[in-house]
Each structure stands twice: as C-alpha cells, then as structure tokens.
Amino acid sequence: MFLSYEASEGRYVSELCTASANELTFPRASVEGRRLEASKRGRVSELFEELGGIVSSGFPAIHSLVSHTGAGTAYLKAPGVVVLAKPQTNAAGLSGFLEGFDPTSGFPAYIDDPTALPDSSQLCKTSGQLCYMSFGPRRTTNENAAAYFERLTSAGHGSVLEHASFSFLLYGISRSVTHELVRHRAGVGISQVSQRYVSGAVLRFVERPEYQNDPELHALFEERADRAAAEYGTMADRLLERQERGEALLDAEYRTDARKKVQQTARSLLPNETEAPMVFTGNVRALRHIIEMRADEHAESEIRNLAVRLFLCLFAVDPILFGDYQLQSLPDGTHKVTTKYRKA
C-alpha cells in the first residue's frame, strides 16, 4: 500500500504500490491525485529518470558515468547518489505497550491502521503521536499523514523528523564540494576517502558544470587533470626514493605508515577538482536543511547539483516527508528545490 494525494479533501488516500527491481509505480486514485502528480510527482519523476535514476529493491540511485582524457585520466561530470540505508519501522512492536492501557482507550487499534506509510514517515509520525499519547480513535490516522506533517513543519516543530535517518554513497563530488558539505555537522555522520591512505591509482577528478559545454574550458580542465595526475605520480616516486634512502621525515617502521607518509606529502599537489567520495548519513531534519540551503538557486552550482539529486532520491523513498518541496527549472537549465516550510 502507498498514498496518493486527494486534493478535494486535502489528504492522502491509500492505494496499491508495486515495486520492481528498477522502478516504483504509484497507481492514481483520483482526478485530483492525477493533477498533483502531473505538477509535482510527475515533474520529480521525470527529472529522476532523465538523470538516469533507478530504484533497486526499494533503494533509489542516480549514478554518474566515468569519462577519460586522451591520456587515460578518469573524471566525472556529475554527482552520483546512492541510498545505502533507510528506516525499517516495526509499528506492530507497539502492541505490548498499547495493550497496557485502559481497554476503553482504543489504543491497540493504532497498529491496525489500514493505510501503510513509508517506514520513515511511520517512524516520525509515531514519535510525534507518542508525545501526546495520540493513539486512540480521535488520532490523526495514516491517511492524513501529509496534513499531520504539514502542521509540524509549518510550525517549525521538526524534532520528530530527527528519528528517521538515511545513508548515502556520494561520489563524483570534488574536494571543494565536500568542504562545504562537511560544514553541516548537526544530525549527520560522514566517512570520507582519505588521501593519506589511498594511493594515486584510484585518483579521479570532477569537471565543473561551467566547463562541460565550453570546448576551451573543457580542454583546459582535461589538461589540468592529466597534469595533476602526472605530477602526483612523479612526486610520489621521488618521495619513495628518498624514503628508501632513509630520509628521516619519510621514514616509518611499518609499511602502512611508510605509504601514508609518501601519500600525505604528495597529496599537497592535488587540486580542489579531485574527487572525494564519502558515505553520508543524515536524519530527515538535517537533510531537509541541507536541501533548503544547497538546492537553493543561490547555492554554488556543483553542490546544488548534488542537493537536487539528494532530494530526488529522498522523494522517491518518502514523498510524504519531502512532499512539501517544489522542483523548479532555472534559466541556465539547472534546477532548484524550494519549500515554504524552511527550518522545520
């Protein structure tokens, strides 16, 4: 089961959702629901597919192709975003707790709600309803989940959104982008590639959007990538020679430490265009803030491309928690994502 928006009643209604290895299909239940999908879900799905998005076993991904210079240096032109983990909610586990109250409360019926929500929405909704013990017949049921979250986000009560977290593989992103992204510390976890421990054999670079359709700038980028890769390799070789001769600053007792000393020195030559993949985990409140800040039209172009892809994948998983966002095209052919409920 899934949800479709019923505009005439201002609520979501349940409907069958089928999933295959490569897609999610949302049957349409009403004329109003179709109209909303055409203006919002349809537009989001169209861009998701245009960017090569797929959904495998319920996990969305937008991959990025690898290009090579004439000399064989690898580089990428766009961010890759892969959902690695998402919430799994055991609503039925509430039964032992709910059955411990006065039978007249009707609390046990909470777990029999006929409308199934995405696990992330269910977790956040249950967390919020626990605050007021809203488990009885007069509670907001799952078919009205969208309106429930709209009340929370419009009032800035986003704390319940912190219970649901998503983990991503982010790649095809440059060191300059990750320097901006890691500033978002609250509610996130980051594991980023180490240029001290990883050899130049896996070096890749990232071409900015501004270069890609300009032959001269594109050629200059490829030249820089080739030069950076070559200079890194040359420097690593020179450092290794000195290490073998016993240079004190490069000497190390263990092979891993020895390699690290060479690479930590050689990496000083690498430009901000060097790829810096990471596993990035954030709760929904933190992810919403990142989307609002980094998918804004005034955000830096490369990180905006990343934030838009994050939004597309999150919307594919949970169109309720991220259903208040609007995807809009910009004059330069890129996109922005906005909401009237900022800083929930």
Protein backbone atom coordinates (compact mmCIF):
# COMPACT_ATOMS: atom_id res chain seq x y z
CA MET A 1 0.00 0.00 0.00
CA PHE A 2 1.02 3.60 -0.55
CA LEU A 3 -0.53 7.06 -0.54
CA SER A 4 -1.96 9.36 -3.18
CA TYR A 5 -2.96 12.93 -2.51
CA GLU A 6 -6.70 13.64 -2.60
CA ALA A 7 -6.80 17.37 -3.32
CA SER A 8 -10.56 17.73 -2.90
CA GLU A 9 -10.25 16.54 0.70
CA GLY A 10 -6.77 17.84 1.42
CA ARG A 11 -5.50 14.43 2.45
CA TYR A 12 -3.65 11.35 1.25
CA VAL A 13 -5.57 8.18 0.42
CA SER A 14 -4.17 4.67 0.40
CA GLU A 15 -3.57 2.81 -2.80
CA LEU A 16 -1.55 -0.11 -4.04
CA CYS A 17 2.14 0.49 -4.69
CA THR A 18 4.07 -2.03 -6.77
CA ALA A 19 7.83 -2.14 -6.96
CA SER A 20 10.17 -3.87 -9.36
CA ALA A 21 13.93 -4.04 -9.34
CA ASN A 22 14.20 -0.78 -11.28
CA GLU A 23 11.13 1.29 -10.52
CA LEU A 24 8.39 2.30 -8.14
CA THR A 25 4.88 2.53 -9.58
CA PHE A 26 2.18 4.61 -7.90
CA PRO A 27 -1.33 3.92 -9.28
CA ARG A 28 -3.51 7.02 -9.39
CA ALA A 29 -6.74 7.01 -7.43
CA SER A 30 -8.49 10.26 -8.37
CA VAL A 31 -8.63 13.13 -10.83
CA GLU A 32 -7.22 15.46 -8.19
CA GLY A 33 -4.43 12.99 -7.40
CA ARG A 34 -3.53 12.78 -11.08
CA ARG A 35 -3.38 16.56 -11.30
CA LEU A 36 -0.99 16.76 -8.36
CA GLU A 37 1.22 14.04 -9.77
CA ALA A 38 1.41 15.86 -13.09
CA SER A 39 2.55 19.07 -11.39
CA LYS A 40 4.80 17.67 -8.66
CA ARG A 41 5.43 13.94 -8.58
CA GLY A 42 5.41 13.73 -12.36
CA ARG A 43 7.96 16.50 -12.65
CA VAL A 44 10.20 15.00 -9.97
CA SER A 45 9.95 11.52 -11.50
CA GLU A 46 10.73 12.91 -14.95
CA LEU A 47 13.95 14.54 -13.78
CA PHE A 48 14.87 11.45 -11.74
CA GLU A 49 14.59 9.33 -14.88
CA GLU A 50 16.28 11.95 -17.07
CA LEU A 51 19.32 11.83 -14.79
CA GLY A 52 19.43 8.04 -15.05
CA GLY A 53 17.76 7.33 -11.72
CA ILE A 54 16.84 3.76 -10.86
CA VAL A 55 15.18 2.07 -7.89
CA SER A 56 16.52 -1.35 -6.96
CA SER A 57 14.78 -3.27 -4.16
CA GLY A 58 13.31 -0.02 -2.90
CA PHE A 59 16.63 1.86 -2.85
CA PRO A 60 16.93 4.76 -5.31
CA ALA A 61 20.20 5.69 -7.00
CA ILE A 62 21.42 8.20 -9.56
CA HIS A 63 24.76 7.01 -10.87
CA SER A 64 27.43 9.05 -12.63
CA LEU A 65 29.36 7.87 -15.68
CA VAL A 66 33.14 7.93 -15.74
CA SER A 67 34.92 9.75 -18.57
CA HIS A 68 38.60 9.66 -19.51
CA THR A 69 41.00 12.12 -21.04
CA GLY A 70 43.06 11.15 -24.07
CA ALA A 71 45.85 10.22 -21.66
CA GLY A 72 43.50 7.97 -19.68
CA THR A 73 42.90 10.16 -16.60
CA ALA A 74 39.49 9.38 -15.11
CA TYR A 75 36.97 12.08 -14.28
CA LEU A 76 33.24 12.52 -13.64
CA LYS A 77 30.85 15.24 -14.75
CA ALA A 78 28.07 14.93 -12.18
CA PRO A 79 27.45 13.68 -8.63
CA GLY A 80 26.47 10.08 -8.03
CA VAL A 81 23.97 9.47 -5.22
CA VAL A 82 23.07 6.00 -3.93
CA VAL A 83 20.73 5.35 -1.00
CA LEU A 84 22.52 2.73 1.09
CA ALA A 85 20.23 2.57 4.14
CA LYS A 86 16.79 3.77 5.16
CA PRO A 87 14.50 3.23 8.20
CA GLN A 88 12.71 -0.03 8.85
CA THR A 89 9.88 0.57 11.29
CA ASN A 90 8.27 -2.09 13.48
CA ALA A 91 4.91 -0.45 14.22
CA ALA A 92 3.49 -3.81 15.29
CA GLY A 93 6.03 -3.80 18.13
CA LEU A 94 3.94 -1.14 19.85
CA SER A 95 1.23 -3.68 20.68
CA GLY A 96 2.59 -4.77 24.07
CA PHE A 97 2.88 -1.13 25.10
CA LEU A 98 -0.54 -0.04 23.82
CA GLU A 99 -2.35 -3.03 25.34
CA GLY A 100 -1.20 -1.95 28.80
CA PHE A 101 -3.67 0.96 28.95
CA ASP A 102 -7.37 1.07 29.76
CA PRO A 103 -9.20 -1.02 27.14
CA THR A 104 -11.64 1.84 26.58
CA SER A 105 -8.77 3.96 25.22
CA GLY A 106 -8.81 2.03 21.97
CA PHE A 107 -5.03 2.33 21.76
CA PRO A 108 -4.32 -1.18 20.36
CA ALA A 109 -6.21 -0.31 17.15
CA TYR A 110 -3.35 2.07 16.31
CA ILE A 111 -1.30 -0.73 14.78
CA ASP A 112 -4.22 -1.84 12.60
CA ASP A 113 -4.33 1.38 10.59
CA PRO A 114 -5.21 0.22 7.05
CA THR A 115 -3.03 2.83 5.33
CA ALA A 116 0.62 1.85 5.15
CA LEU A 117 3.18 4.64 5.23
CA PRO A 118 6.81 4.69 4.14
CA ASP A 119 8.81 3.44 7.13
CA SER A 120 10.43 6.84 7.64
CA SER A 121 7.05 8.60 7.75
CA GLN A 122 5.64 5.96 10.09
CA LEU A 123 8.56 6.30 12.47
CA CYS A 124 8.32 10.09 12.63
CA LYS A 125 4.52 10.06 12.94
CA THR A 126 4.58 7.50 15.75
CA SER A 127 7.27 9.51 17.54
CA GLY A 128 5.20 12.66 17.34
CA GLN A 129 1.98 10.97 18.45
CA LEU A 130 3.72 9.43 21.44
CA CYS A 131 4.33 12.95 22.76
CA TYR A 132 0.58 13.41 23.21
CA MET A 133 -0.36 9.73 23.57
CA SER A 134 -2.45 10.17 20.44
CA PHE A 135 -3.11 6.50 19.80
CA GLY A 136 -6.89 6.43 20.25
CA PRO A 137 -9.78 6.73 17.78
CA ARG A 138 -9.51 10.54 17.62
CA ARG A 139 -5.89 10.46 16.48
CA THR A 140 -4.68 11.62 13.09
CA THR A 141 -4.74 8.43 11.05
CA ASN A 142 -2.23 7.48 8.42
CA GLU A 143 -4.40 8.60 5.52
CA ASN A 144 -3.97 12.15 6.86
CA ALA A 145 -0.22 11.82 7.42
CA ALA A 146 0.62 14.54 4.92
CA ALA A 147 -1.55 17.07 6.73
CA TYR A 148 -0.07 15.94 10.05
CA PHE A 149 3.49 16.64 8.89
CA GLU A 150 2.43 19.89 7.25
CA ARG A 151 1.19 21.12 10.63
CA LEU A 152 4.53 20.18 12.21
CA THR A 153 6.77 21.70 9.55
CA SER A 154 4.70 24.86 9.18
CA ALA A 155 5.01 25.44 12.94
CA GLY A 156 8.74 24.67 12.92
CA HIS A 157 8.32 21.58 15.11
CA GLY A 158 10.86 19.42 13.28
CA SER A 159 12.28 17.47 16.22
CA VAL A 160 10.31 14.31 15.38
CA LEU A 161 11.98 14.31 11.95
CA GLU A 162 15.28 13.54 13.64
CA HIS A 163 14.23 9.93 14.32
CA ALA A 164 14.45 8.84 10.67
CA SER A 165 17.86 8.70 9.02
CA PHE A 166 19.14 7.85 5.56
CA SER A 167 22.63 6.85 4.46
CA PHE A 168 24.08 7.60 1.02
CA LEU A 169 27.11 6.87 -1.05
CA LEU A 170 28.11 10.19 -2.61
CA TYR A 171 30.69 10.17 -5.39
CA GLY A 172 31.57 12.28 -8.39
CA ILE A 173 31.92 15.18 -5.95
CA SER A 174 35.01 17.34 -5.71
CA ARG A 175 37.05 18.27 -2.68
CA SER A 176 35.63 21.79 -2.90
CA VAL A 177 32.07 20.41 -2.59
CA THR A 178 32.90 18.19 0.36
CA HIS A 179 34.48 21.14 2.16
CA GLU A 180 31.07 22.82 2.01
CA LEU A 181 29.08 19.69 2.78
CA VAL A 182 31.02 18.77 5.93
CA ARG A 183 30.00 22.10 7.45
CA HIS A 184 26.59 20.51 8.02
CA ARG A 185 27.56 18.67 11.21
CA ALA A 186 24.35 18.59 13.26
CA GLY A 187 22.45 15.35 12.72
CA VAL A 188 24.89 13.81 10.22
CA GLY A 189 27.69 11.26 10.05
CA ILE A 190 30.49 11.39 7.47
CA SER A 191 33.08 8.84 6.35
CA GLN A 192 35.22 10.34 3.57
CA VAL A 193 38.03 8.91 1.47
CA SER A 194 41.45 9.52 2.98
CA GLN A 195 44.07 10.91 0.62
CA ARG A 196 46.70 9.83 3.15
CA TYR A 197 45.82 6.14 2.96
CA VAL A 198 44.56 5.85 -0.62
CA SER A 199 47.09 5.68 -3.43
CA GLY A 200 47.13 7.65 -6.64
CA ALA A 201 45.98 4.55 -8.51
CA VAL A 202 42.36 5.48 -7.75
CA LEU A 203 42.68 9.21 -8.37
CA ARG A 204 39.73 10.69 -10.26
CA PHE A 205 38.69 14.26 -10.91
CA VAL A 206 35.43 16.19 -11.24
CA GLU A 207 34.61 18.57 -14.08
CA ARG A 208 32.54 21.57 -13.05
CA PRO A 209 29.28 22.25 -14.96
CA GLU A 210 30.64 25.54 -16.29
CA TYR A 211 33.37 23.75 -18.27
CA GLN A 212 31.42 20.94 -19.84
CA ASN A 213 29.82 22.72 -22.80
CA ASP A 214 32.67 25.12 -23.47
CA PRO A 215 35.31 23.45 -25.70
CA GLU A 216 38.15 25.65 -24.49
CA LEU A 217 37.37 25.34 -20.78
CA HIS A 218 36.75 21.61 -21.16
CA ALA A 219 40.13 21.14 -22.87
CA LEU A 220 41.85 23.15 -20.15
CA PHE A 221 40.19 21.01 -17.49
CA GLU A 222 41.39 17.80 -19.11
CA GLU A 223 44.90 19.22 -19.36
CA ARG A 224 44.85 20.11 -15.66
CA ALA A 225 43.57 16.67 -14.69
CA ASP A 226 46.31 14.97 -16.72
CA ARG A 227 48.94 17.28 -15.28
CA ALA A 228 47.73 16.81 -11.69
CA ALA A 229 47.72 13.03 -12.02
CA ALA A 230 51.20 13.04 -13.60
CA GLU A 231 52.68 15.44 -11.05
CA TYR A 232 51.22 13.41 -8.18
CA GLY A 233 52.75 10.23 -9.59
CA THR A 234 56.12 11.87 -10.15
CA MET A 235 56.20 13.36 -6.67
CA ALA A 236 55.18 10.05 -5.07
CA ASP A 237 58.04 8.32 -6.92
CA ARG A 238 60.58 10.95 -5.80
CA LEU A 239 59.40 10.74 -2.22
CA LEU A 240 59.57 6.95 -2.30
CA GLU A 241 63.17 7.13 -3.49
CA ARG A 242 64.09 9.38 -0.57
CA GLN A 243 62.22 7.16 1.84
CA GLU A 244 64.22 4.16 0.66
CA ARG A 245 67.41 6.15 1.23
CA GLY A 246 66.36 6.69 4.86
CA GLU A 247 65.16 10.31 4.79
CA ALA A 248 64.14 10.94 8.43
CA LEU A 249 60.89 12.80 7.71
CA LEU A 250 59.71 10.00 5.43
CA ASP A 251 60.97 7.05 7.45
CA ALA A 252 58.48 4.67 9.08
CA GLU A 253 58.65 1.31 10.84
CA TYR A 254 55.54 -0.22 9.24
CA ARG A 255 54.68 -0.43 5.55
CA THR A 256 51.28 1.25 6.01
CA ASP A 257 52.85 4.19 7.80
CA ALA A 258 55.54 4.43 5.15
CA ARG A 259 52.98 4.58 2.37
CA LYS A 260 50.96 7.15 4.32
CA LYS A 261 53.97 9.45 4.67
CA VAL A 262 54.53 9.43 0.92
CA GLN A 263 50.87 9.99 0.06
CA GLN A 264 50.22 12.65 2.69
CA THR A 265 53.08 14.66 1.19
CA ALA A 266 52.22 14.08 -2.46
CA ARG A 267 48.55 14.99 -1.96
CA SER A 268 49.53 18.64 -1.44
CA LEU A 269 49.71 18.85 -5.25
CA LEU A 270 46.13 17.76 -5.80
CA PRO A 271 43.59 20.43 -6.85
CA ASN A 272 40.11 21.04 -5.47
CA GLU A 273 38.84 19.25 -8.59
CA THR A 274 39.97 15.92 -7.12
CA GLU A 275 37.09 13.53 -6.41
CA ALA A 276 36.36 12.95 -2.71
CA PRO A 277 33.67 10.24 -2.29
CA MET A 278 32.02 9.67 1.06
CA VAL A 279 29.30 7.79 2.91
CA PHE A 280 26.95 10.43 4.27
CA THR A 281 24.24 9.77 6.86
CA GLY A 282 21.70 12.33 7.99
CA ASN A 283 18.40 12.46 9.79
CA VAL A 284 15.42 13.92 7.94
CA ARG A 285 15.57 17.25 9.75
CA ALA A 286 19.24 17.68 8.83
CA LEU A 287 18.65 16.52 5.25
CA ARG A 288 15.80 18.99 4.83
CA HIS A 289 18.09 21.79 5.98
CA ILE A 290 20.80 20.70 3.53
CA ILE A 291 18.30 20.64 0.65
CA GLU A 292 16.96 24.08 1.59
CA MET A 293 20.44 25.59 1.76
CA ARG A 294 22.25 23.75 -1.02
CA ALA A 295 19.47 23.24 -3.60
CA ASP A 296 18.73 26.96 -3.47
CA GLU A 297 19.29 28.91 -6.69
CA HIS A 298 21.97 31.00 -4.96
CA ALA A 299 23.97 27.94 -3.89
CA GLU A 300 27.23 27.04 -5.64
CA SER A 301 26.42 25.16 -8.86
CA GLU A 302 28.24 21.89 -8.12
CA ILE A 303 26.80 21.40 -4.65
CA ARG A 304 23.35 22.39 -5.95
CA ASN A 305 23.57 19.54 -8.47
CA LEU A 306 24.31 17.23 -5.54
CA ALA A 307 21.50 18.58 -3.34
CA VAL A 308 18.94 18.24 -6.14
CA ARG A 309 19.93 14.60 -6.60
CA LEU A 310 19.67 14.00 -2.85
CA PHE A 311 16.15 15.42 -2.95
CA LEU A 312 15.15 13.27 -5.95
CA CYS A 313 16.28 10.08 -4.20
CA LEU A 314 14.64 11.04 -0.90
CA PHE A 315 11.37 11.91 -2.61
CA ALA A 316 11.42 8.52 -4.34
CA VAL A 317 11.68 6.83 -0.93
CA ASP A 318 9.30 9.06 1.02
CA PRO A 319 7.08 11.53 -0.88
CA ILE A 320 5.35 12.48 2.38
CA LEU A 321 8.26 13.77 4.46
CA PHE A 322 9.61 15.57 1.38
CA GLY A 323 6.28 16.27 -0.29
CA ASP A 324 6.20 19.99 0.52
CA TYR A 325 9.16 20.72 -1.75
CA GLN A 326 8.81 22.23 -5.20
CA LEU A 327 11.23 21.41 -8.02
CA GLN A 328 11.75 24.32 -10.39
CA SER A 329 13.85 24.86 -13.51
CA LEU A 330 16.33 27.74 -13.70
CA PRO A 331 17.19 29.80 -16.81
CA ASP A 332 20.59 28.10 -17.12
CA GLY A 333 18.98 24.67 -17.46
CA THR A 334 19.72 23.56 -13.88
CA HIS A 335 17.19 23.18 -11.08
CA LYS A 336 16.38 24.39 -7.61
CA VAL A 337 14.26 22.96 -4.80
CA THR A 338 12.19 25.15 -2.51
CA THR A 339 9.64 24.90 0.29
CA LYS A 340 7.60 27.44 2.20
CA TYR A 341 8.32 25.50 5.42
CA ARG A 342 12.02 26.23 5.85
CA LYS A 343 13.96 25.42 9.02
CA ALA A 344 11.42 22.94 10.40
